[in-house]
């Protein structure tokens, strides 16, 4: 069975840390919905941006992305990676919060992908780097 992997970035409309409870709500709803749809993944919230990777059956990932596109807690949802993969990178994580904070380092991996002038070659390099960062942060959160 092939799995779809998507990575998107967006501009957060949440005021963190004041609205951290709303971020917890995102996780709670995502975990329940994703478990039902067979979707796994991880979320980063950093300095006014979100980055999220989703993986699972194509129809499940599409349903989640449809919901994400309508969510008013962010804007400028930009799909930066869309591929078919043979296995999951986030097995056992219906939704992991890989990082939430004010790190300029993490933000510098997300913000350029929202740049409307970013060319496809730049995105083809930056998106896999962001995916790798999310994987590493998720692994670090297990320790």
N, C-alpha and C. Protein backbone atom coordinates (compact mmCIF):
# COMPACT_ATOMS: atom_id res chain seq x y z
N UNK A 1 0.84 -1.19 0.00
CA UNK A 1 0.00 0.00 0.00
C UNK A 1 0.88 1.25 0.00
N UNK A 2 0.62 2.15 -0.91
CA UNK A 2 1.39 3.39 -0.94
C UNK A 2 0.75 4.42 -0.03
N UNK A 3 1.60 5.26 0.52
CA UNK A 3 1.16 6.31 1.43
C UNK A 3 1.47 7.67 0.82
N UNK A 4 0.62 8.62 1.07
CA UNK A 4 0.85 9.99 0.62
C UNK A 4 1.50 10.75 1.78
N UNK A 5 2.52 11.52 1.46
CA UNK A 5 3.16 12.41 2.44
C UNK A 5 3.03 13.84 1.92
N UNK A 6 2.46 14.70 2.77
CA UNK A 6 2.33 16.12 2.45
C UNK A 6 3.03 16.94 3.52
N UNK A 7 3.60 18.04 3.11
CA UNK A 7 4.17 19.02 4.04
C UNK A 7 3.65 20.37 3.61
N UNK A 8 3.06 21.08 4.57
CA UNK A 8 2.62 22.43 4.27
C UNK A 8 3.18 23.38 5.32
N UNK A 9 3.22 24.64 4.97
CA UNK A 9 3.60 25.71 5.89
C UNK A 9 2.49 26.75 5.84
N UNK A 10 2.35 27.51 6.92
CA UNK A 10 1.33 28.55 6.96
C UNK A 10 1.73 29.62 7.96
N UNK A 11 1.01 30.71 7.91
CA UNK A 11 1.21 31.81 8.84
C UNK A 11 0.19 31.66 9.97
N UNK A 12 0.66 31.51 11.19
CA UNK A 12 -0.22 31.33 12.34
C UNK A 12 -0.91 32.63 12.70
N UNK A 13 -2.16 32.53 13.09
CA UNK A 13 -2.89 33.68 13.61
C UNK A 13 -3.05 33.60 15.12
N UNK A 14 -2.44 32.59 15.73
CA UNK A 14 -2.47 32.45 17.19
C UNK A 14 -1.43 33.35 17.83
N UNK A 15 -1.76 33.88 18.97
CA UNK A 15 -0.79 34.67 19.75
C UNK A 15 -0.24 33.74 20.84
N UNK A 16 0.95 33.26 20.60
CA UNK A 16 1.58 32.36 21.57
C UNK A 16 2.56 33.17 22.40
N UNK A 17 2.69 32.90 23.67
CA UNK A 17 2.13 31.77 24.41
C UNK A 17 0.73 32.01 24.97
N UNK A 18 0.17 33.21 24.79
CA UNK A 18 -1.13 33.53 25.37
C UNK A 18 -2.23 32.56 24.95
N UNK A 19 -2.18 32.09 23.71
CA UNK A 19 -3.23 31.21 23.21
C UNK A 19 -2.74 29.77 23.07
N UNK A 20 -1.88 29.35 23.96
CA UNK A 20 -1.34 27.98 23.91
C UNK A 20 -2.46 26.94 24.03
N UNK A 21 -3.52 27.28 24.71
CA UNK A 21 -4.65 26.35 24.83
C UNK A 21 -5.28 26.04 23.48
N UNK A 22 -5.28 27.00 22.59
CA UNK A 22 -5.82 26.77 21.25
C UNK A 22 -4.92 25.81 20.47
N UNK A 23 -3.63 25.87 20.71
CA UNK A 23 -2.71 24.93 20.08
C UNK A 23 -2.97 23.52 20.61
N UNK A 24 -3.22 23.40 21.90
CA UNK A 24 -3.55 22.09 22.47
C UNK A 24 -4.84 21.55 21.85
N UNK A 25 -5.80 22.44 21.57
CA UNK A 25 -7.04 22.03 20.92
C UNK A 25 -6.76 21.47 19.53
N UNK A 26 -5.86 22.12 18.79
CA UNK A 26 -5.47 21.61 17.47
C UNK A 26 -4.96 20.18 17.59
N UNK A 27 -4.10 19.95 18.57
CA UNK A 27 -3.53 18.61 18.76
C UNK A 27 -4.60 17.59 19.13
N UNK A 28 -5.47 17.95 20.07
CA UNK A 28 -6.51 17.02 20.52
C UNK A 28 -7.44 16.62 19.37
N UNK A 29 -7.92 17.60 18.62
CA UNK A 29 -8.81 17.32 17.50
C UNK A 29 -8.08 16.52 16.42
N UNK A 30 -6.83 16.92 16.13
CA UNK A 30 -6.05 16.23 15.09
C UNK A 30 -5.81 14.77 15.44
N UNK A 31 -5.46 14.53 16.68
CA UNK A 31 -5.16 13.14 17.09
C UNK A 31 -6.38 12.25 16.92
N UNK A 32 -7.54 12.74 17.32
CA UNK A 32 -8.76 11.94 17.21
C UNK A 32 -9.14 11.72 15.73
N UNK A 33 -9.15 12.80 14.96
CA UNK A 33 -9.53 12.70 13.55
C UNK A 33 -8.53 11.84 12.78
N UNK A 34 -7.23 12.08 13.00
CA UNK A 34 -6.20 11.35 12.26
C UNK A 34 -6.23 9.86 12.56
N UNK A 35 -6.50 9.50 13.82
CA UNK A 35 -6.59 8.08 14.17
C UNK A 35 -7.70 7.41 13.37
N UNK A 36 -8.81 8.09 13.21
CA UNK A 36 -9.94 7.56 12.45
C UNK A 36 -9.59 7.38 10.98
N UNK A 37 -8.80 8.32 10.44
CA UNK A 37 -8.47 8.31 9.01
C UNK A 37 -7.18 7.57 8.67
N UNK A 38 -6.46 7.07 9.68
CA UNK A 38 -5.19 6.38 9.44
C UNK A 38 -4.06 7.31 9.08
N UNK A 39 -4.14 8.56 9.53
CA UNK A 39 -3.14 9.57 9.21
C UNK A 39 -2.21 9.77 10.41
N UNK A 40 -0.92 9.92 10.13
CA UNK A 40 0.06 10.24 11.16
C UNK A 40 0.81 11.50 10.73
N UNK A 41 1.56 12.09 11.67
CA UNK A 41 2.31 13.28 11.31
C UNK A 41 2.81 14.07 12.50
N UNK A 42 3.27 15.27 12.21
CA UNK A 42 3.84 16.13 13.24
C UNK A 42 3.61 17.60 12.87
N UNK A 43 3.52 18.42 13.90
CA UNK A 43 3.26 19.85 13.77
C UNK A 43 4.36 20.64 14.46
N UNK A 44 4.76 21.73 13.83
CA UNK A 44 5.67 22.70 14.44
C UNK A 44 4.95 24.04 14.48
N UNK A 45 5.04 24.73 15.60
CA UNK A 45 4.57 26.11 15.73
C UNK A 45 5.77 26.93 16.16
N UNK A 46 6.20 27.86 15.31
CA UNK A 46 7.41 28.63 15.62
C UNK A 46 7.27 30.06 15.12
N UNK A 47 7.40 31.02 16.04
CA UNK A 47 7.46 32.45 15.72
C UNK A 47 6.42 32.90 14.69
N UNK A 48 5.19 32.48 14.86
CA UNK A 48 4.14 32.94 13.98
C UNK A 48 3.93 32.11 12.74
N UNK A 49 4.52 30.93 12.70
CA UNK A 49 4.34 30.04 11.55
C UNK A 49 4.02 28.63 12.02
N UNK A 50 3.35 27.90 11.15
CA UNK A 50 3.12 26.47 11.34
C UNK A 50 3.81 25.74 10.20
N UNK A 51 4.25 24.54 10.50
CA UNK A 51 4.67 23.58 9.49
C UNK A 51 4.12 22.24 9.96
N UNK A 52 3.53 21.50 9.04
CA UNK A 52 2.95 20.23 9.43
C UNK A 52 3.18 19.22 8.33
N UNK A 53 3.55 18.02 8.74
CA UNK A 53 3.68 16.91 7.81
C UNK A 53 2.55 15.93 8.12
N UNK A 54 1.93 15.43 7.07
CA UNK A 54 0.86 14.44 7.17
C UNK A 54 1.23 13.26 6.29
N UNK A 55 0.90 12.06 6.76
CA UNK A 55 1.17 10.87 5.96
C UNK A 55 0.07 9.85 6.21
N UNK A 56 -0.28 9.13 5.17
CA UNK A 56 -1.31 8.12 5.31
C UNK A 56 -1.95 7.82 3.97
N UNK A 57 -3.11 7.14 4.02
CA UNK A 57 -3.81 6.85 2.77
C UNK A 57 -4.18 8.15 2.07
N UNK A 58 -4.05 8.21 0.75
CA UNK A 58 -4.32 9.45 0.03
C UNK A 58 -5.66 10.10 0.37
N UNK A 59 -6.72 9.30 0.50
CA UNK A 59 -8.03 9.88 0.80
C UNK A 59 -8.08 10.45 2.23
N UNK A 60 -7.39 9.83 3.17
CA UNK A 60 -7.33 10.35 4.54
C UNK A 60 -6.56 11.65 4.61
N UNK A 61 -5.41 11.70 3.93
CA UNK A 61 -4.60 12.92 3.91
C UNK A 61 -5.37 14.05 3.23
N UNK A 62 -6.10 13.73 2.16
CA UNK A 62 -6.89 14.75 1.46
C UNK A 62 -7.98 15.31 2.37
N UNK A 63 -8.62 14.45 3.15
CA UNK A 63 -9.67 14.91 4.07
C UNK A 63 -9.10 15.83 5.13
N UNK A 64 -7.92 15.48 5.65
CA UNK A 64 -7.29 16.33 6.67
C UNK A 64 -6.89 17.67 6.05
N UNK A 65 -6.31 17.65 4.86
CA UNK A 65 -5.91 18.91 4.22
C UNK A 65 -7.11 19.79 3.90
N UNK A 66 -8.22 19.19 3.56
CA UNK A 66 -9.44 19.98 3.31
C UNK A 66 -9.84 20.73 4.58
N UNK A 67 -9.79 20.06 5.71
CA UNK A 67 -10.11 20.69 7.00
C UNK A 67 -9.09 21.77 7.35
N UNK A 68 -7.83 21.49 7.12
CA UNK A 68 -6.75 22.45 7.41
C UNK A 68 -6.93 23.72 6.57
N UNK A 69 -7.32 23.56 5.33
CA UNK A 69 -7.52 24.70 4.46
C UNK A 69 -8.63 25.64 4.92
N UNK A 70 -9.59 25.11 5.68
CA UNK A 70 -10.70 25.93 6.18
C UNK A 70 -10.45 26.48 7.59
N UNK A 71 -9.36 26.07 8.23
CA UNK A 71 -9.09 26.46 9.61
C UNK A 71 -8.72 27.95 9.68
N UNK A 72 -9.41 28.68 10.55
CA UNK A 72 -9.20 30.14 10.67
C UNK A 72 -8.07 30.50 11.63
N UNK A 73 -7.37 29.52 12.16
CA UNK A 73 -6.25 29.82 13.07
C UNK A 73 -4.95 30.06 12.32
N UNK A 74 -5.03 29.99 10.99
CA UNK A 74 -3.85 30.30 10.17
C UNK A 74 -4.29 30.74 8.79
N UNK A 75 -3.35 31.26 8.03
CA UNK A 75 -3.63 31.69 6.65
C UNK A 75 -2.41 31.39 5.79
N UNK A 76 -2.56 31.59 4.51
CA UNK A 76 -1.48 31.36 3.55
C UNK A 76 -0.97 29.92 3.60
N UNK A 77 -1.89 28.98 3.66
CA UNK A 77 -1.51 27.56 3.67
C UNK A 77 -0.85 27.26 2.33
N UNK A 78 0.40 26.82 2.41
CA UNK A 78 1.20 26.59 1.21
C UNK A 78 1.75 25.17 1.22
N UNK A 79 1.31 24.37 0.26
CA UNK A 79 1.80 23.01 0.13
C UNK A 79 3.19 23.04 -0.48
N UNK A 80 4.17 22.47 0.22
CA UNK A 80 5.56 22.55 -0.26
C UNK A 80 6.15 21.18 -0.61
N UNK A 81 5.46 20.11 -0.23
CA UNK A 81 5.95 18.77 -0.56
C UNK A 81 4.75 17.85 -0.68
N UNK A 82 4.69 17.09 -1.74
CA UNK A 82 3.59 16.16 -1.98
C UNK A 82 4.20 14.96 -2.70
N UNK A 83 4.24 13.83 -2.01
CA UNK A 83 4.85 12.66 -2.64
C UNK A 83 4.25 11.36 -2.11
N UNK A 84 4.47 10.32 -2.84
CA UNK A 84 4.07 8.97 -2.44
C UNK A 84 5.29 8.31 -1.81
N UNK A 85 5.08 7.67 -0.66
CA UNK A 85 6.18 7.02 0.05
C UNK A 85 5.78 5.59 0.40
N UNK A 86 6.76 4.70 0.52
CA UNK A 86 6.45 3.31 0.82
C UNK A 86 6.20 3.04 2.31
N UNK A 87 6.67 3.94 3.19
CA UNK A 87 6.51 3.70 4.62
C UNK A 87 6.39 5.02 5.37
N UNK A 88 5.92 4.92 6.60
CA UNK A 88 5.70 6.10 7.44
C UNK A 88 7.00 6.53 8.13
N UNK A 89 7.13 7.83 8.30
CA UNK A 89 8.22 8.39 9.09
C UNK A 89 7.75 8.70 10.52
N UNK A 90 6.44 8.79 10.72
CA UNK A 90 5.88 9.18 12.02
C UNK A 90 4.96 8.10 12.57
N UNK A 91 5.38 6.86 12.40
CA UNK A 91 4.61 5.71 12.89
C UNK A 91 4.28 5.90 14.36
N UNK A 92 3.02 5.70 14.70
CA UNK A 92 2.61 5.80 16.09
C UNK A 92 2.27 7.21 16.56
N UNK A 93 2.42 8.20 15.70
CA UNK A 93 2.12 9.59 16.05
C UNK A 93 0.90 10.04 15.26
N UNK A 94 -0.30 9.94 15.83
CA UNK A 94 -1.46 10.46 15.12
C UNK A 94 -1.31 11.96 14.93
N UNK A 95 -0.58 12.61 15.82
CA UNK A 95 -0.11 13.98 15.63
C UNK A 95 0.85 14.30 16.78
N UNK A 96 2.07 14.57 16.41
CA UNK A 96 3.09 14.94 17.38
C UNK A 96 3.26 16.45 17.33
N UNK A 97 3.45 17.06 18.48
CA UNK A 97 3.88 18.46 18.51
C UNK A 97 5.39 18.41 18.57
N UNK A 98 6.01 18.58 17.42
CA UNK A 98 7.46 18.45 17.33
C UNK A 98 8.17 19.63 17.96
N UNK A 99 7.56 20.82 17.90
CA UNK A 99 8.20 22.00 18.48
C UNK A 99 7.18 23.12 18.58
N UNK A 100 7.26 23.86 19.66
CA UNK A 100 6.45 25.06 19.83
C UNK A 100 7.31 26.05 20.59
N UNK A 101 7.70 27.13 19.94
CA UNK A 101 8.54 28.10 20.62
C UNK A 101 8.95 29.24 19.73
N UNK A 102 9.90 30.02 20.21
CA UNK A 102 10.32 31.24 19.54
C UNK A 102 11.65 31.11 18.82
N UNK A 103 12.06 29.92 18.48
CA UNK A 103 13.35 29.71 17.87
C UNK A 103 13.45 30.36 16.49
N UNK A 104 14.44 31.23 16.33
CA UNK A 104 14.71 31.81 15.01
C UNK A 104 15.21 30.72 14.06
N UNK A 105 15.96 29.76 14.60
CA UNK A 105 16.50 28.68 13.77
C UNK A 105 15.37 27.89 13.11
N UNK A 106 14.39 27.48 13.91
CA UNK A 106 13.27 26.71 13.38
C UNK A 106 12.47 27.57 12.41
N UNK A 107 12.23 28.81 12.78
CA UNK A 107 11.45 29.71 11.92
C UNK A 107 12.13 29.93 10.57
N UNK A 108 13.45 29.98 10.56
CA UNK A 108 14.18 30.19 9.29
C UNK A 108 14.03 29.01 8.33
N UNK A 109 13.57 27.88 8.82
CA UNK A 109 13.28 26.74 7.94
C UNK A 109 11.87 26.81 7.36
N UNK A 110 11.01 27.58 8.01
CA UNK A 110 9.61 27.66 7.58
C UNK A 110 9.34 28.89 6.73
N UNK A 111 9.71 30.06 7.22
CA UNK A 111 9.34 31.33 6.60
C UNK A 111 9.70 31.44 5.11
N UNK A 112 10.88 31.01 4.68
CA UNK A 112 11.21 31.16 3.25
C UNK A 112 10.28 30.38 2.32
N UNK A 113 9.67 29.33 2.85
CA UNK A 113 8.76 28.53 2.02
C UNK A 113 7.43 29.24 1.77
N UNK A 114 7.15 30.28 2.55
CA UNK A 114 5.95 31.08 2.33
C UNK A 114 6.19 32.24 1.38
N UNK A 115 7.43 32.47 1.04
CA UNK A 115 7.78 33.57 0.14
C UNK A 115 7.19 33.30 -1.24
N UNK A 116 6.32 34.19 -1.67
CA UNK A 116 5.65 34.01 -2.97
C UNK A 116 6.64 34.04 -4.13
N UNK A 117 7.79 34.65 -3.93
CA UNK A 117 8.79 34.73 -4.99
C UNK A 117 9.75 33.53 -4.99
N UNK A 118 9.58 32.64 -4.01
CA UNK A 118 10.47 31.48 -3.94
C UNK A 118 10.29 30.63 -5.20
N UNK A 119 11.37 30.32 -5.81
CA UNK A 119 11.34 29.52 -7.04
C UNK A 119 11.27 28.03 -6.69
N UNK A 120 10.78 27.26 -7.62
CA UNK A 120 10.66 25.82 -7.42
C UNK A 120 11.98 25.16 -7.01
N UNK A 121 13.13 25.53 -7.61
CA UNK A 121 14.38 24.90 -7.18
C UNK A 121 14.69 25.16 -5.70
N UNK A 122 14.40 26.37 -5.23
CA UNK A 122 14.64 26.67 -3.81
C UNK A 122 13.73 25.83 -2.93
N UNK A 123 12.47 25.72 -3.30
CA UNK A 123 11.53 24.90 -2.52
C UNK A 123 11.93 23.44 -2.54
N UNK A 124 12.46 22.98 -3.66
CA UNK A 124 12.83 21.56 -3.75
C UNK A 124 13.99 21.22 -2.82
N UNK A 125 14.76 22.23 -2.42
CA UNK A 125 15.84 22.03 -1.45
C UNK A 125 15.33 22.27 -0.03
N UNK A 126 14.57 23.35 0.17
CA UNK A 126 14.15 23.75 1.51
C UNK A 126 13.10 22.82 2.12
N UNK A 127 12.17 22.34 1.33
CA UNK A 127 11.11 21.48 1.85
C UNK A 127 11.66 20.17 2.45
N UNK A 128 12.54 19.44 1.75
CA UNK A 128 13.10 18.23 2.37
C UNK A 128 13.92 18.54 3.63
N UNK A 129 14.58 19.69 3.66
CA UNK A 129 15.32 20.07 4.88
C UNK A 129 14.36 20.29 6.04
N UNK A 130 13.24 20.94 5.79
CA UNK A 130 12.24 21.15 6.83
C UNK A 130 11.65 19.81 7.28
N UNK A 131 11.37 18.93 6.36
CA UNK A 131 10.85 17.60 6.72
C UNK A 131 11.84 16.87 7.62
N UNK A 132 13.11 16.94 7.27
CA UNK A 132 14.14 16.30 8.10
C UNK A 132 14.18 16.93 9.50
N UNK A 133 14.08 18.25 9.59
CA UNK A 133 14.07 18.93 10.89
C UNK A 133 12.88 18.46 11.72
N UNK A 134 11.72 18.36 11.11
CA UNK A 134 10.53 17.90 11.84
C UNK A 134 10.74 16.47 12.34
N UNK A 135 11.32 15.62 11.51
CA UNK A 135 11.60 14.24 11.93
C UNK A 135 12.54 14.22 13.13
N UNK A 136 13.59 15.00 13.07
CA UNK A 136 14.56 15.04 14.17
C UNK A 136 13.94 15.60 15.45
N UNK A 137 13.14 16.64 15.34
CA UNK A 137 12.49 17.22 16.52
C UNK A 137 11.49 16.24 17.12
N UNK A 138 10.82 15.48 16.27
CA UNK A 138 9.88 14.47 16.78
C UNK A 138 10.62 13.38 17.51
N UNK A 139 11.73 12.92 16.95
CA UNK A 139 12.55 11.91 17.64
C UNK A 139 13.07 12.44 18.97
N UNK A 140 13.50 13.68 18.99
CA UNK A 140 14.03 14.28 20.22
C UNK A 140 12.93 14.37 21.29
N UNK A 141 11.68 14.58 20.87
CA UNK A 141 10.60 14.69 21.85
C UNK A 141 10.27 13.34 22.48
N UNK A 142 10.68 12.23 21.84
CA UNK A 142 10.47 10.89 22.40
C UNK A 142 11.46 10.59 23.53
N UNK A 143 12.59 11.27 23.50
CA UNK A 143 13.66 10.95 24.45
C UNK A 143 13.36 11.50 25.81
